């Protein structure tokens, strides 16, 4: 059974993963629009956050599987 809480975790994971990939492209292909330091900070925050949120969504789904 799907829950709103698990869906929010998964949505957050997707958004942060997209931000991380976008930051990687910005840093890899020229001068980032926001500058190198803010883009690096965004990348550094979004990578672990997307993994944490994905794991939270999986745990939430398994907990409500019963």
C-alpha atoms as a PDB file:
ATOM      1  CA  UNK A   1       0.000   0.000   0.000  1.00  0.00           C
ATOM      2  CA  UNK A   2       1.285   3.436  -0.903  1.00  0.00           C
ATOM      3  CA  UNK A   3       1.340   6.213   1.651  1.00  0.00           C
ATOM      4  CA  UNK A   4       1.592   9.959   1.317  1.00  0.00           C
ATOM      5  CA  UNK A   5       4.672   9.990   3.552  1.00  0.00           C
ATOM      6  CA  UNK A   6       6.516   7.501   1.327  1.00  0.00           C
ATOM      7  CA  UNK A   7       5.488   9.433  -1.773  1.00  0.00           C
ATOM      8  CA  UNK A   8       6.855  12.662  -0.362  1.00  0.00           C
ATOM      9  CA  UNK A   9      10.146  10.956   0.477  1.00  0.00           C
ATOM     10  CA  UNK A  10      10.374   9.545  -3.036  1.00  0.00           C
ATOM     11  CA  UNK A  11       9.488  12.893  -4.625  1.00  0.00           C
ATOM     12  CA  UNK A  12      12.173  14.610  -2.564  1.00  0.00           C
ATOM     13  CA  UNK A  13      14.673  11.965  -3.615  1.00  0.00           C
ATOM     14  CA  UNK A  14      13.864  12.506  -7.295  1.00  0.00           C
ATOM     15  CA  UNK A  15      14.107  16.303  -7.053  1.00  0.00           C
ATOM     16  CA  UNK A  16      17.431  16.212  -5.213  1.00  0.00           C
ATOM     17  CA  UNK A  17      18.830  13.629  -7.654  1.00  0.00           C
ATOM     18  CA  UNK A  18      17.871  15.856 -10.591  1.00  0.00           C
ATOM     19  CA  UNK A  19      19.533  18.828  -8.876  1.00  0.00           C
ATOM     20  CA  UNK A  20      22.693  16.768  -8.310  1.00  0.00           C
ATOM     21  CA  UNK A  21      22.861  15.661 -11.946  1.00  0.00           C
ATOM     22  CA  UNK A  22      22.273  19.222 -13.115  1.00  0.00           C
ATOM     23  CA  UNK A  23      25.051  20.451 -10.849  1.00  0.00           C
ATOM     24  CA  UNK A  24      27.423  17.816 -12.233  1.00  0.00           C
ATOM     25  CA  UNK A  25      26.689  18.943 -15.785  1.00  0.00           C
ATOM     26  CA  UNK A  26      27.123  22.594 -14.836  1.00  0.00           C
ATOM     27  CA  UNK A  27      30.481  21.905 -13.210  1.00  0.00           C
ATOM     28  CA  UNK A  28      31.676  19.601 -15.973  1.00  0.00           C
ATOM     29  CA  UNK A  29      30.826  21.700 -19.002  1.00  0.00           C
ATOM     30  CA  UNK A  30      32.017  25.234 -18.520  1.00  0.00           C
ATOM     31  CA  UNK A  31      31.195  28.047 -16.155  1.00  0.00           C
ATOM     32  CA  UNK A  32      28.194  27.312 -13.884  1.00  0.00           C
ATOM     33  CA  UNK A  33      25.399  29.890 -13.952  1.00  0.00           C
ATOM     34  CA  UNK A  34      25.397  30.258 -10.162  1.00  0.00           C
ATOM     35  CA  UNK A  35      29.186  30.105  -9.858  1.00  0.00           C
ATOM     36  CA  UNK A  36      31.430  27.202  -8.978  1.00  0.00           C
ATOM     37  CA  UNK A  37      31.132  27.387  -5.178  1.00  0.00           C
ATOM     38  CA  UNK A  38      27.309  27.486  -4.882  1.00  0.00           C
ATOM     39  CA  UNK A  39      26.987  24.741  -7.499  1.00  0.00           C
ATOM     40  CA  UNK A  40      29.487  22.582  -5.613  1.00  0.00           C
ATOM     41  CA  UNK A  41      27.566  23.152  -2.376  1.00  0.00           C
ATOM     42  CA  UNK A  42      24.298  22.162  -4.070  1.00  0.00           C
ATOM     43  CA  UNK A  43      25.950  19.011  -5.387  1.00  0.00           C
ATOM     44  CA  UNK A  44      27.448  18.176  -1.993  1.00  0.00           C
ATOM     45  CA  UNK A  45      24.092  18.542  -0.252  1.00  0.00           C
ATOM     46  CA  UNK A  46      21.914  16.868  -2.856  1.00  0.00           C
ATOM     47  CA  UNK A  47      23.884  13.650  -3.345  1.00  0.00           C
ATOM     48  CA  UNK A  48      23.603  12.320   0.215  1.00  0.00           C
ATOM     49  CA  UNK A  49      20.135  13.799   0.688  1.00  0.00           C
ATOM     50  CA  UNK A  50      18.754  11.953  -2.342  1.00  0.00           C
ATOM     51  CA  UNK A  51      20.129   8.638  -1.027  1.00  0.00           C
ATOM     52  CA  UNK A  52      18.752   9.289   2.471  1.00  0.00           C
ATOM     53  CA  UNK A  53      15.314  10.183   1.120  1.00  0.00           C
ATOM     54  CA  UNK A  54      15.266   7.156  -1.188  1.00  0.00           C
ATOM     55  CA  UNK A  55      16.117   4.834   1.699  1.00  0.00           C
ATOM     56  CA  UNK A  56      13.422   6.487   3.822  1.00  0.00           C
ATOM     57  CA  UNK A  57      10.858   5.942   1.047  1.00  0.00           C
ATOM     58  CA  UNK A  58      11.859   2.278   0.763  1.00  0.00           C
ATOM     59  CA  UNK A  59      11.604   1.775   4.529  1.00  0.00           C
ATOM     60  CA  UNK A  60       8.208   3.462   4.580  1.00  0.00           C
ATOM     61  CA  UNK A  61       6.973   1.235   1.761  1.00  0.00           C
ATOM     62  CA  UNK A  62       8.223  -1.935   3.443  1.00  0.00           C
ATOM     63  CA  UNK A  63       6.690  -0.922   6.769  1.00  0.00           C
ATOM     64  CA  UNK A  64       3.267  -0.521   5.152  1.00  0.00           C
ATOM     65  CA  UNK A  65       3.480  -3.671   3.061  1.00  0.00           C
ATOM     66  CA  UNK A  66       1.909  -5.865   5.725  1.00  0.00           C
END
